[in-house]
C-alpha atoms as a PDB file:
ATOM      1  CA  MET A   1     118.028  93.767 100.652  1.00  0.00           C
ATOM      2  CA  LEU A   2     115.884  94.093 103.701  1.00  0.00           C
ATOM      3  CA  SER A   3     115.722  97.711 103.375  1.00  0.00           C
ATOM      4  CA  THR A   4     114.117  97.673 100.303  1.00  0.00           C
ATOM      5  CA  THR A   5     111.266  94.921 101.497  1.00  0.00           C
ATOM      6  CA  LEU A   6     110.947  96.948 105.113  1.00  0.00           C
ATOM      7  CA  THR A   7     110.252 100.074 103.202  1.00  0.00           C
ATOM      8  CA  THR A   8     107.879  98.326 100.733  1.00  0.00           C
ATOM      9  CA  LEU A   9     105.697  96.960 103.506  1.00  0.00           C
ATOM     10  CA  PHE A  10     106.033 100.285 105.998  1.00  0.00           C
ATOM     11  CA  GLU A  11     104.546 102.089 103.115  1.00  0.00           C
ATOM     12  CA  ARG A  12     102.069  99.595 101.489  1.00  0.00           C
ATOM     13  CA  ASP A  13     100.238  99.565 105.680  1.00  0.00           C
ATOM     14  CA  LEU A  14     101.236 102.942 106.194  1.00  0.00           C
ATOM     15  CA  ARG A  15      98.997 103.885 102.896  1.00  0.00           C
ATOM     16  CA  ARG A  16      96.416 101.558 103.578  1.00  0.00           C
ATOM     17  CA  LEU A  17      95.974 103.343 106.631  1.00  0.00           C
ATOM     18  CA  LYS A  18      95.260 106.631 104.883  1.00  0.00           C
ATOM     19  CA  ALA A  19      93.160 105.036 102.803  1.00  0.00           C
ATOM     20  CA  GLU A  20      90.831 103.756 106.010  1.00  0.00           C
ATOM     21  CA  LEU A  21      91.256 107.240 107.929  1.00  0.00           C
ATOM     22  CA  LEU A  22      89.713 108.403 104.291  1.00  0.00           C
ATOM     23  CA  ALA A  23      87.024 105.970 104.592  1.00  0.00           C
ATOM     24  CA  TYR A  24      85.403 106.942 106.775  1.00  0.00           C
ATOM     25  CA  LYS A  25      81.924 108.858 105.490  1.00  0.00           C
ATOM     26  CA  ASN A  26      81.791 110.972 108.710  1.00  0.00           C
ATOM     27  CA  GLU A  27      85.559 112.503 109.710  1.00  0.00           C
ATOM     28  CA  GLU A  28      83.770 112.616 113.120  1.00  0.00           C
ATOM     29  CA  ASN A  29      83.509 109.066 113.704  1.00  0.00           C
ATOM     30  CA  ILE A  30      87.585 108.465 113.971  1.00  0.00           C
ATOM     31  CA  TRP A  31      87.556 109.628 117.006  1.00  0.00           C
ATOM     32  CA  LYS A  32      84.717 107.613 118.525  1.00  0.00           C
ATOM     33  CA  VAL A  33      85.003 104.597 120.813  1.00  0.00           C
ATOM     34  CA  ALA A  34      82.141 102.377 121.694  1.00  0.00           C
ATOM     35  CA  GLY A  35      81.495  99.050 124.217  1.00  0.00           C
ATOM     36  CA  GLN A  36      84.972  98.140 125.055  1.00  0.00           C
ATOM     37  CA  ILE A  37      86.759  99.605 122.375  1.00  0.00           C
ATOM     38  CA  SER A  38      88.834 102.220 124.073  1.00  0.00           C
ATOM     39  CA  ASN A  39      90.647 103.340 121.199  1.00  0.00           C
ATOM     40  CA  SER A  40      89.295 105.098 118.490  1.00  0.00           C
ATOM     41  CA  ALA A  41      90.992 104.880 115.077  1.00  0.00           C
ATOM     42  CA  GLY A  42      92.436 108.255 114.911  1.00  0.00           C
ATOM     43  CA  ASN A  43      94.155 107.634 118.509  1.00  0.00           C
ATOM     44  CA  LEU A  44      95.893 104.198 117.058  1.00  0.00           C
ATOM     45  CA  ALA A  45      96.610 106.009 113.756  1.00  0.00           C
ATOM     46  CA  LEU A  46      97.976 108.880 115.803  1.00  0.00           C
ATOM     47  CA  HIS A  47      99.912 106.099 117.842  1.00  0.00           C
ATOM     48  CA  LEU A  48     101.780 104.565 115.046  1.00  0.00           C
ATOM     49  CA  ILE A  49     103.316 107.894 113.921  1.00  0.00           C
ATOM     50  CA  GLY A  50     104.862 108.209 116.906  1.00  0.00           C
ATOM     51  CA  ASN A  51     105.893 104.682 117.321  1.00  0.00           C
ATOM     52  CA  LEU A  52     107.510 104.874 113.381  1.00  0.00           C
ATOM     53  CA  ASN A  53     109.152 108.289 114.075  1.00  0.00           C
ATOM     54  CA  THR A  54     110.236 107.290 117.571  1.00  0.00           C
ATOM     55  CA  TYR A  55     112.091 103.597 116.586  1.00  0.00           C
ATOM     56  CA  ILE A  56     112.681 104.443 112.707  1.00  0.00           C
ATOM     57  CA  GLY A  57     112.902 108.373 112.835  1.00  0.00           C
ATOM     58  CA  ALA A  58     114.656 109.847 115.699  1.00  0.00           C
ATOM     59  CA  GLU A  59     116.821 106.353 116.582  1.00  0.00           C
ATOM     60  CA  ILE A  60     118.158 105.319 112.866  1.00  0.00           C
ATOM     61  CA  GLY A  61     117.320 108.636 110.639  1.00  0.00           C
ATOM     62  CA  GLU A  62     118.139 111.109 113.779  1.00  0.00           C
ATOM     63  CA  THR A  63     115.315 113.442 112.646  1.00  0.00           C
ATOM     64  CA  GLY A  64     115.462 114.625 116.393  1.00  0.00           C
ATOM     65  CA  TYR A  65     111.745 113.460 116.981  1.00  0.00           C
ATOM     66  CA  VAL A  66     110.297 113.774 120.464  1.00  0.00           C
ATOM     67  CA  ARG A  67     107.666 111.376 121.195  1.00  0.00           C
ATOM     68  CA  ASN A  68     104.809 112.104 123.710  1.00  0.00           C
ATOM     69  CA  ARG A  69     103.152 108.991 123.420  1.00  0.00           C
ATOM     70  CA  PRO A  70     100.466 109.557 126.432  1.00  0.00           C
ATOM     71  CA  LEU A  71      99.041 112.549 123.659  1.00  0.00           C
ATOM     72  CA  GLU A  72      99.435 109.303 120.973  1.00  0.00           C
ATOM     73  CA  PHE A  73      95.800 108.109 123.400  1.00  0.00           C
ATOM     74  CA  SER A  74      94.562 111.120 124.882  1.00  0.00           C
ATOM     75  CA  ALA A  75      94.105 113.198 121.930  1.00  0.00           C
ATOM     76  CA  LYS A  76      90.567 114.602 120.220  1.00  0.00           C
ATOM     77  CA  ASN A  77      89.323 115.529 117.529  1.00  0.00           C
ATOM     78  CA  VAL A  78      92.629 116.185 115.280  1.00  0.00           C
ATOM     79  CA  ALA A  79      91.594 116.802 111.320  1.00  0.00           C
ATOM     80  CA  ARG A  80      91.789 113.988 109.411  1.00  0.00           C
ATOM     81  CA  GLU A  81      93.990 116.306 106.581  1.00  0.00           C
ATOM     82  CA  THR A  82      96.575 116.602 109.295  1.00  0.00           C
ATOM     83  CA  ILE A  83      96.614 112.707 110.564  1.00  0.00           C
ATOM     84  CA  ILE A  84      96.951 112.469 106.665  1.00  0.00           C
ATOM     85  CA  ASN A  85      99.907 114.610 106.015  1.00  0.00           C
ATOM     86  CA  ASP A  86     101.308 113.064 109.384  1.00  0.00           C
ATOM     87  CA  ILE A  87     101.614 109.600 107.501  1.00  0.00           C
ATOM     88  CA  ASP A  88     102.939 110.804 104.260  1.00  0.00           C
ATOM     89  CA  ALA A  89     105.883 112.603 106.399  1.00  0.00           C
ATOM     90  CA  THR A  90     106.401 109.480 108.615  1.00  0.00           C
ATOM     91  CA  ILE A  91     106.831 107.428 104.943  1.00  0.00           C
ATOM     92  CA  GLU A  92     109.599 109.832 104.016  1.00  0.00           C
ATOM     93  CA  VAL A  93     111.261 109.172 107.337  1.00  0.00           C
ATOM     94  CA  ILE A  94     110.869 105.627 106.911  1.00  0.00           C
ATOM     95  CA  ARG A  95     111.941 105.841 103.320  1.00  0.00           C
ATOM     96  CA  THR A  96     115.594 108.334 104.438  1.00  0.00           C
ATOM     97  CA  SER A  97     115.996 106.384 107.382  1.00  0.00           C
ATOM     98  CA  LEU A  98     116.208 102.714 105.933  1.00  0.00           C
ATOM     99  CA  ALA A  99     117.788 103.778 102.936  1.00  0.00           C
ATOM    100  CA  THR A 100     120.998 103.872 105.394  1.00  0.00           C
ATOM    101  CA  LEU A 101     121.615 100.598 106.978  1.00  0.00           C
ATOM    102  CA  THR A 102     123.489  97.961 106.142  1.00  0.00           C
ATOM    103  CA  ASP A 103     123.227  94.566 105.868  1.00  0.00           C
ATOM    104  CA  GLU A 104     125.211  94.530 109.351  1.00  0.00           C
ATOM    105  CA  ASP A 105     123.489  96.998 110.598  1.00  0.00           C
ATOM    106  CA  TYR A 106     120.254  94.767 110.598  1.00  0.00           C
ATOM    107  CA  GLN A 107     122.315  92.075 112.251  1.00  0.00           C
ATOM    108  CA  ALA A 108     123.224  94.504 114.732  1.00  0.00           C
ATOM    109  CA  GLU A 109     122.021  94.949 118.029  1.00  0.00           C
ATOM    110  CA  TYR A 110     118.647  97.273 117.832  1.00  0.00           C
ATOM    111  CA  PRO A 111     119.905 100.433 120.068  1.00  0.00           C
ATOM    112  CA  GLN A 112     117.311 100.675 122.826  1.00  0.00           C
ATOM    113  CA  LEU A 113     115.818  97.978 124.699  1.00  0.00           C
ATOM    114  CA  VAL A 114     112.007  98.163 123.677  1.00  0.00           C
ATOM    115  CA  LEU A 115     110.674  94.664 123.781  1.00  0.00           C
ATOM    116  CA  GLU A 116     111.590  92.437 127.050  1.00  0.00           C
ATOM    117  CA  THR A 117     114.633  91.110 125.846  1.00  0.00           C
ATOM    118  CA  LYS A 118     117.436  92.627 123.538  1.00  0.00           C
ATOM    119  CA  THR A 119     117.157  92.202 119.483  1.00  0.00           C
ATOM    120  CA  THR A 120     119.162  92.871 116.376  1.00  0.00           C
ATOM    121  CA  THR A 121     117.689  95.490 114.604  1.00  0.00           C
ATOM    122  CA  GLU A 122     116.223  93.116 111.981  1.00  0.00           C
ATOM    123  CA  TYR A 123     114.044  91.615 114.032  1.00  0.00           C
ATOM    124  CA  PHE A 124     112.764  95.113 116.068  1.00  0.00           C
ATOM    125  CA  PHE A 125     111.806  96.538 112.611  1.00  0.00           C
ATOM    126  CA  ILE A 126     109.767  93.069 111.441  1.00  0.00           C
ATOM    127  CA  HIS A 127     108.205  93.310 115.152  1.00  0.00           C
ATOM    128  CA  LEU A 128     107.393  97.303 113.798  1.00  0.00           C
ATOM    129  CA  VAL A 129     105.836  95.911 110.782  1.00  0.00           C
ATOM    130  CA  ALA A 130     103.786  93.512 112.829  1.00  0.00           C
ATOM    131  CA  HIS A 131     102.576  96.277 115.076  1.00  0.00           C
ATOM    132  CA  LEU A 132     101.257  98.453 112.391  1.00  0.00           C
ATOM    133  CA  GLY A 133      99.452  95.687 110.389  1.00  0.00           C
ATOM    134  CA  TYR A 134      97.781  94.641 113.973  1.00  0.00           C
ATOM    135  CA  HIS A 135      96.685  98.371 114.464  1.00  0.00           C
ATOM    136  CA  LEU A 136      95.903  98.304 111.231  1.00  0.00           C
ATOM    137  CA  GLY A 137      93.456  95.882 111.253  1.00  0.00           C
ATOM    138  CA  GLN A 138      91.889  97.069 114.148  1.00  0.00           C
ATOM    139  CA  VAL A 139      91.353 100.519 112.061  1.00  0.00           C
ATOM    140  CA  ASN A 140      89.469  98.747 109.488  1.00  0.00           C
ATOM    141  CA  TYR A 141      87.185  96.545 112.053  1.00  0.00           C
ATOM    142  CA  HIS A 142      86.583 100.019 113.914  1.00  0.00           C
ATOM    143  CA  ARG A 143      85.516 101.651 110.731  1.00  0.00           C
ATOM    144  CA  ARG A 144      83.438  98.897 109.231  1.00  0.00           C
ATOM    145  CA  LEU A 145      81.379  98.737 113.065  1.00  0.00           C
ATOM    146  CA  LEU A 146      80.410 102.135 113.224  1.00  0.00           C
ATOM    147  CA  GLU A 147      79.871 103.152 109.481  1.00  0.00           C
END
């Protein structure tokens, strides 16, 4: 079932995100920007947490999560431990939320218009996996560039 595959991919990459954050030798570097790099690893992590809690947690899991997208990019110096705990909580939200979906739910239209056109839930969630992978790669590159 698609839920199992998506849960596995989200969980894998969120665990990789945690590993990247933990690999920073100097926690302060998580928040650094340099040159034309405008987003720190910390802000990218907050963005991914907000994104997944919004589009999977709030919309599918009915968690009541309320997103503050501007804060995802403006917050600074959030403790690494706090971000790690939020990633763990996001993994649980994804597990719980996706477990409720049927094959028919994936073929239905995603309840929100997020991209430029309406999509199925399946398409949108595959987009979310790609979005996570894209930013995970940025975090990896950010860490290697600064350290």
